[in-house]
Amino acid sequence: MTGPLLDSPVVSTQWLADHLGADQLVILDATVHVPTLPTGRVGYVSGHESYLLTGHVPGALFADLIEELSDPEGRFGFTRPSAQRFSDAVGALGIDNSTTVVVYDSAVGQWAARVWWLFRSFGYDTVAVLDGGLTKWNAEGRETEVGHRDATPVSFEVSERPALWADKAEVEAIVTGTAAGALVCGIPPKEFTGEEGHRIRRGHIPGSLSVPAGRLVDRGTNALLAVEQLRAAVAPVLDEARVVTYCNGGIAAAADALALVLAGHGNVAIYDGSLNEWAADDSAPLETTSA
């Protein structure tokens, strides 16, 4: 038995409402909160408490991106997990290789997009992001529930797709022109220009196109812009043979990757280390120019 069929990496709130309770459908809440700490820096807090107390889509399970779906021993936060860790975490959520997965968050979709990308990178495509996430679901007055949901653990087999990730060496090669490709940056505009930011070294990787994740959605509903508008946002790189997206830690980069896929690009990768890795190397160039 397989879950409901998907014809896009994005599903609407109506689609999900119509399929609630379907066999072999697992809904994941991947929310992470980003509070500003007393030091002025930002932190990352699991959305599990809000999932339990504030409410979630009926039947949804909580997907922990901070711990379970990242590598806790990685040099930087949100480092992608090993194949075994991902397999174990996904199987624990009751997801096997015949499950349809829909993932959402309460932000602009970047956390959900990161989970979607993880599934794709481990060889699984029967997964979609909920358009507008919990914000749009709530705005439409749809039912929610509170409290914990348990899953029956199953086995999930992975098949890695290394081409969906880029490393620092590839990005360096693109910057120097020794490898074909284009760079797309998902951080906010003032971080891109270097006007703002919490790093000693601010700015963006030279030659990057600025596509802030927050500008890919409607400000009121968090629903993705129409495909034509997404295509316009990434138009300067659509003819490139390969596009590498990045941000601070590979999260907003996933929102850009989703936009590129929806726009029809077939060779997209995420630079997992992103600026967390790049800016930590004093010899790696950064630009502080206008977006």
Protein backbone atom coordinates (compact mmCIF):
# COMPACT_ATOMS: atom_id res chain seq x y z
CA MET A 1 0.00 0.00 0.00
CA THR A 2 1.27 3.46 -0.87
CA GLY A 3 0.25 6.90 0.31
CA PRO A 4 -1.58 9.62 -1.64
CA LEU A 5 0.05 10.53 -4.94
CA LEU A 6 2.01 13.76 -5.30
CA ASP A 7 2.46 15.66 -8.55
CA SER A 8 4.53 18.52 -7.12
CA PRO A 9 7.04 19.19 -4.34
CA VAL A 10 4.40 21.52 -2.86
CA VAL A 11 0.84 20.74 -1.75
CA SER A 12 -1.93 23.16 -0.85
CA THR A 13 -3.74 23.36 2.46
CA GLN A 14 -6.86 22.12 0.68
CA TRP A 15 -5.00 19.08 -0.63
CA LEU A 16 -3.85 18.25 2.87
CA ALA A 17 -7.29 18.83 4.38
CA ASP A 18 -8.77 16.47 1.78
CA HIS A 19 -6.23 13.74 2.64
CA LEU A 20 -6.13 13.96 6.44
CA GLY A 21 -6.28 10.47 7.88
CA ALA A 22 -5.26 8.76 4.63
CA ASP A 23 -3.32 5.52 4.87
CA GLN A 24 0.44 5.87 4.48
CA LEU A 25 0.37 9.65 4.89
CA VAL A 26 2.68 11.17 7.51
CA ILE A 27 2.56 14.88 8.28
CA LEU A 28 5.61 16.46 9.90
CA ASP A 29 5.87 19.72 11.84
CA ALA A 30 9.48 20.86 11.41
CA THR A 31 9.22 24.20 13.20
CA VAL A 32 12.31 25.80 14.71
CA HIS A 33 12.07 29.14 16.52
CA VAL A 34 14.79 31.77 16.16
CA PRO A 35 14.74 34.09 19.21
CA THR A 36 17.14 36.99 19.69
CA LEU A 37 19.34 36.32 22.70
CA PRO A 38 20.30 38.96 25.32
CA THR A 39 23.68 39.21 23.57
CA GLY A 40 21.93 40.36 20.41
CA ARG A 41 22.77 37.15 18.57
CA VAL A 42 20.11 34.74 17.42
CA GLY A 43 19.53 31.30 18.89
CA TYR A 44 17.64 28.22 17.77
CA VAL A 45 14.90 26.65 19.86
CA SER A 46 12.97 23.52 19.02
CA GLY A 47 9.35 24.09 18.07
CA HIS A 48 8.29 21.02 20.01
CA GLU A 49 6.77 22.99 22.87
CA SER A 50 4.61 25.09 20.55
CA TYR A 51 3.67 21.89 18.70
CA LEU A 52 2.46 20.42 22.00
CA LEU A 53 0.78 23.45 23.52
CA THR A 54 -0.19 25.86 20.76
CA GLY A 55 -1.35 23.32 18.24
CA HIS A 56 -0.48 21.51 15.05
CA VAL A 57 -2.16 20.06 11.99
CA PRO A 58 -4.27 17.07 13.10
CA GLY A 59 -2.22 13.90 13.12
CA ALA A 60 1.10 15.68 12.58
CA LEU A 61 4.25 14.35 14.19
CA PHE A 62 7.11 16.57 15.32
CA ALA A 63 10.32 16.39 13.28
CA ASP A 64 13.30 17.58 15.33
CA LEU A 65 15.68 19.37 12.98
CA ILE A 66 17.98 20.56 15.74
CA GLU A 67 18.81 17.12 17.13
CA GLU A 68 17.42 14.14 15.26
CA LEU A 69 17.62 15.35 11.66
CA SER A 70 21.03 17.00 11.95
CA ASP A 71 24.47 15.76 12.95
CA PRO A 72 25.00 16.67 16.63
CA GLU A 73 28.73 16.21 16.16
CA GLY A 74 28.90 18.43 13.10
CA ARG A 75 31.21 21.42 13.14
CA PHE A 76 28.27 23.74 12.56
CA GLY A 77 24.60 23.71 13.57
CA PHE A 78 22.19 21.87 11.26
CA THR A 79 24.96 19.89 9.56
CA ARG A 80 23.23 17.22 7.50
CA PRO A 81 23.01 13.84 9.25
CA SER A 82 24.61 10.60 8.14
CA ALA A 83 22.55 8.20 6.08
CA GLN A 84 22.15 5.90 9.07
CA ARG A 85 21.07 8.69 11.40
CA PHE A 86 18.53 9.95 8.88
CA SER A 87 17.21 6.44 8.27
CA ASP A 88 16.81 5.83 11.99
CA ALA A 89 15.13 9.20 12.65
CA VAL A 90 12.70 8.86 9.75
CA GLY A 91 11.87 5.26 10.56
CA ALA A 92 11.12 6.29 14.15
CA LEU A 93 8.50 8.67 12.73
CA GLY A 94 6.68 5.76 11.11
CA ILE A 95 7.89 6.59 7.61
CA ASP A 96 8.82 3.76 5.27
CA ASN A 97 9.49 3.75 1.54
CA SER A 98 5.81 3.66 0.63
CA THR A 99 4.83 6.65 2.78
CA THR A 100 3.75 10.02 1.44
CA VAL A 101 5.29 12.76 3.57
CA VAL A 102 4.03 16.33 3.91
CA VAL A 103 6.16 18.70 5.97
CA TYR A 104 5.43 22.20 7.21
CA ASP A 105 6.63 24.83 9.68
CA SER A 106 5.28 28.00 11.26
CA ALA A 107 7.80 30.29 9.52
CA VAL A 108 8.23 31.02 5.79
CA GLY A 109 8.79 27.39 4.91
CA GLN A 110 12.57 27.22 5.13
CA TRP A 111 12.58 24.55 7.86
CA ALA A 112 10.08 22.43 5.96
CA ALA A 113 12.13 22.89 2.79
CA ARG A 114 15.23 21.68 4.63
CA VAL A 115 13.47 18.45 5.61
CA TRP A 116 12.14 18.09 2.05
CA TRP A 117 15.70 18.47 0.73
CA LEU A 118 17.07 15.93 3.21
CA PHE A 119 14.56 13.36 1.97
CA ARG A 120 15.48 14.08 -1.65
CA SER A 121 19.20 13.86 -0.92
CA PHE A 122 18.68 10.45 0.62
CA GLY A 123 16.86 9.22 -2.46
CA TYR A 124 13.22 9.74 -1.53
CA ASP A 125 10.90 11.95 -3.59
CA THR A 126 7.44 11.18 -2.22
CA VAL A 127 7.58 14.23 0.00
CA ALA A 128 6.14 17.73 -0.31
CA VAL A 129 6.15 21.04 1.51
CA LEU A 130 2.79 22.39 2.70
CA ASP A 131 2.29 25.72 0.94
CA GLY A 132 1.93 28.44 3.55
CA GLY A 133 2.59 26.02 6.37
CA LEU A 134 0.87 26.41 9.70
CA THR A 135 0.36 30.15 9.17
CA LYS A 136 -1.90 29.65 6.17
CA TRP A 137 -3.58 26.61 7.75
CA ASN A 138 -4.52 28.68 10.81
CA ALA A 139 -5.50 31.74 8.77
CA GLU A 140 -8.06 29.61 6.96
CA GLY A 141 -9.58 28.55 10.27
CA ARG A 142 -8.72 24.90 9.79
CA GLU A 143 -8.76 22.42 12.65
CA THR A 144 -5.70 21.92 14.83
CA GLU A 145 -4.92 19.71 17.79
CA VAL A 146 -2.56 19.87 20.75
CA GLY A 147 -0.51 17.23 22.51
CA HIS A 148 1.88 14.50 21.52
CA ARG A 149 1.45 12.01 18.70
CA ASP A 150 3.23 8.64 18.74
CA ALA A 151 4.40 6.68 15.71
CA THR A 152 5.06 3.01 15.22
CA PRO A 153 8.73 2.67 14.17
CA VAL A 154 9.37 1.11 10.76
CA SER A 155 12.34 0.64 8.46
CA PHE A 156 13.35 3.34 5.97
CA GLU A 157 15.94 2.60 3.29
CA VAL A 158 18.09 5.41 1.92
CA SER A 159 19.94 5.83 -1.36
CA GLU A 160 22.24 8.83 -1.19
CA ARG A 161 22.42 11.47 -3.92
CA PRO A 162 25.72 13.28 -3.29
CA ALA A 163 25.14 15.64 -6.21
CA LEU A 164 22.46 17.44 -4.20
CA TRP A 165 25.15 18.82 -1.88
CA ALA A 166 28.06 21.13 -2.61
CA ASP A 167 31.18 21.49 -0.50
CA LYS A 168 33.51 24.43 0.04
CA ALA A 169 35.88 23.26 -2.68
CA GLU A 170 33.13 23.35 -5.29
CA VAL A 171 32.03 26.81 -4.21
CA GLU A 172 35.63 28.02 -4.41
CA ALA A 173 35.86 26.60 -7.92
CA ILE A 174 32.70 28.44 -8.97
CA VAL A 175 34.03 31.70 -7.49
CA THR A 176 37.36 31.39 -9.32
CA GLY A 177 35.70 30.28 -12.55
CA THR A 178 37.42 26.89 -12.65
CA ALA A 179 34.05 25.13 -12.39
CA ALA A 180 30.77 25.97 -14.10
CA GLY A 181 27.94 27.09 -11.88
CA ALA A 182 26.16 29.95 -10.16
CA LEU A 183 25.63 30.83 -6.51
CA VAL A 184 22.33 31.90 -4.95
CA CYS A 185 22.22 33.37 -1.44
CA GLY A 186 19.11 33.13 0.75
CA ILE A 187 20.02 35.44 3.64
CA PRO A 188 18.16 38.73 4.29
CA PRO A 189 19.14 41.68 2.05
CA LYS A 190 20.99 43.67 4.72
CA GLU A 191 23.02 40.63 5.70
CA PHE A 192 23.81 40.07 2.03
CA THR A 193 25.16 43.60 1.68
CA GLY A 194 27.02 43.39 4.98
CA GLU A 195 25.04 46.20 6.62
CA GLU A 196 23.86 43.78 9.29
CA GLY A 197 24.96 40.44 10.68
CA HIS A 198 26.47 38.83 13.74
CA ARG A 199 29.71 37.64 12.23
CA ILE A 200 32.99 39.51 12.37
CA ARG A 201 33.20 38.90 8.62
CA ARG A 202 29.98 40.03 6.95
CA GLY A 203 28.68 39.96 3.41
CA HIS A 204 28.21 37.32 0.74
CA ILE A 205 30.29 35.03 -1.43
CA PRO A 206 31.46 36.91 -4.56
CA GLY A 207 29.26 36.57 -7.61
CA SER A 208 26.17 35.48 -5.71
CA LEU A 209 22.60 36.29 -6.66
CA SER A 210 20.56 37.55 -3.71
CA VAL A 211 17.28 35.65 -3.34
CA PRO A 212 16.15 36.14 0.29
CA ALA A 213 14.01 33.25 1.47
CA GLY A 214 11.54 35.64 3.08
CA ARG A 215 10.79 37.24 -0.29
CA LEU A 216 9.69 33.99 -1.89
CA VAL A 217 6.39 34.01 -0.02
CA ASP A 218 3.34 36.23 0.41
CA ARG A 219 3.92 38.32 3.53
CA GLY A 220 0.40 37.76 4.80
CA THR A 221 -0.10 34.02 4.33
CA ASN A 222 3.45 32.67 3.93
CA ALA A 223 2.21 30.95 0.77
CA LEU A 224 4.79 30.66 -1.99
CA LEU A 225 4.63 33.20 -4.77
CA ALA A 226 3.28 32.06 -8.11
CA VAL A 227 5.70 29.99 -10.17
CA GLU A 228 6.09 32.85 -12.64
CA GLN A 229 7.22 35.13 -9.81
CA LEU A 230 9.59 32.51 -8.44
CA ARG A 231 11.03 32.06 -11.91
CA ALA A 232 11.56 35.82 -12.18
CA ALA A 233 13.40 35.87 -8.85
CA VAL A 234 15.89 33.24 -10.00
CA ALA A 235 15.90 34.14 -13.71
CA PRO A 236 19.57 35.26 -13.79
CA VAL A 237 20.74 31.71 -12.97
CA LEU A 238 18.16 29.55 -14.73
CA ASP A 239 20.40 29.01 -17.74
CA GLU A 240 23.36 27.94 -15.62
CA ALA A 241 24.23 24.24 -15.80
CA ARG A 242 24.40 23.99 -12.01
CA VAL A 243 23.21 26.24 -9.20
CA VAL A 244 24.47 26.09 -5.62
CA THR A 245 22.37 27.74 -2.93
CA TYR A 246 23.66 28.82 0.47
CA CYS A 247 22.75 31.00 3.44
CA ASN A 248 24.08 31.04 6.98
CA GLY A 249 23.59 27.37 7.80
CA GLY A 250 21.91 25.63 4.87
CA ILE A 251 18.31 26.33 5.93
CA ALA A 252 17.16 29.39 3.94
CA ALA A 253 19.22 27.83 1.14
CA ALA A 254 16.66 25.02 1.06
CA ALA A 255 13.87 27.53 0.42
CA ASP A 256 15.87 28.87 -2.53
CA ALA A 257 16.47 25.32 -3.73
CA LEU A 258 12.73 24.65 -3.64
CA ALA A 259 12.08 27.82 -5.65
CA LEU A 260 14.64 26.77 -8.24
CA VAL A 261 13.13 23.29 -8.57
CA LEU A 262 9.65 24.79 -8.95
CA ALA A 263 11.08 27.16 -11.56
CA GLY A 264 12.25 24.15 -13.55
CA HIS A 265 15.97 23.91 -12.80
CA GLY A 266 17.20 20.33 -12.74
CA ASN A 267 20.68 20.61 -11.21
CA VAL A 268 20.54 22.34 -7.84
CA ALA A 269 22.74 21.72 -4.79
CA ILE A 270 22.92 23.16 -1.29
CA TYR A 271 26.23 24.25 0.22
CA ASP A 272 25.69 22.65 3.61
CA GLY A 273 28.43 24.55 5.44
CA SER A 274 27.22 27.83 3.92
CA LEU A 275 28.51 31.04 5.53
CA ASN A 276 29.06 29.27 8.84
CA GLU A 277 31.97 27.54 7.15
CA TRP A 278 32.93 30.08 4.50
CA ALA A 279 33.15 33.13 6.76
CA ALA A 280 35.15 31.19 9.36
CA ASP A 281 38.00 30.97 6.84
CA ASP A 282 39.78 34.33 6.78
CA SER A 283 41.15 33.56 3.33
CA ALA A 284 37.72 32.95 1.79
CA PRO A 285 36.56 36.12 -0.01
CA LEU A 286 33.41 38.00 0.98
CA GLU A 287 31.80 40.98 -0.70
CA THR A 288 29.84 43.77 0.99
CA THR A 289 28.12 45.26 -2.01
CA SER A 290 24.55 46.24 -2.79
CA ALA A 291 21.95 43.50 -3.27
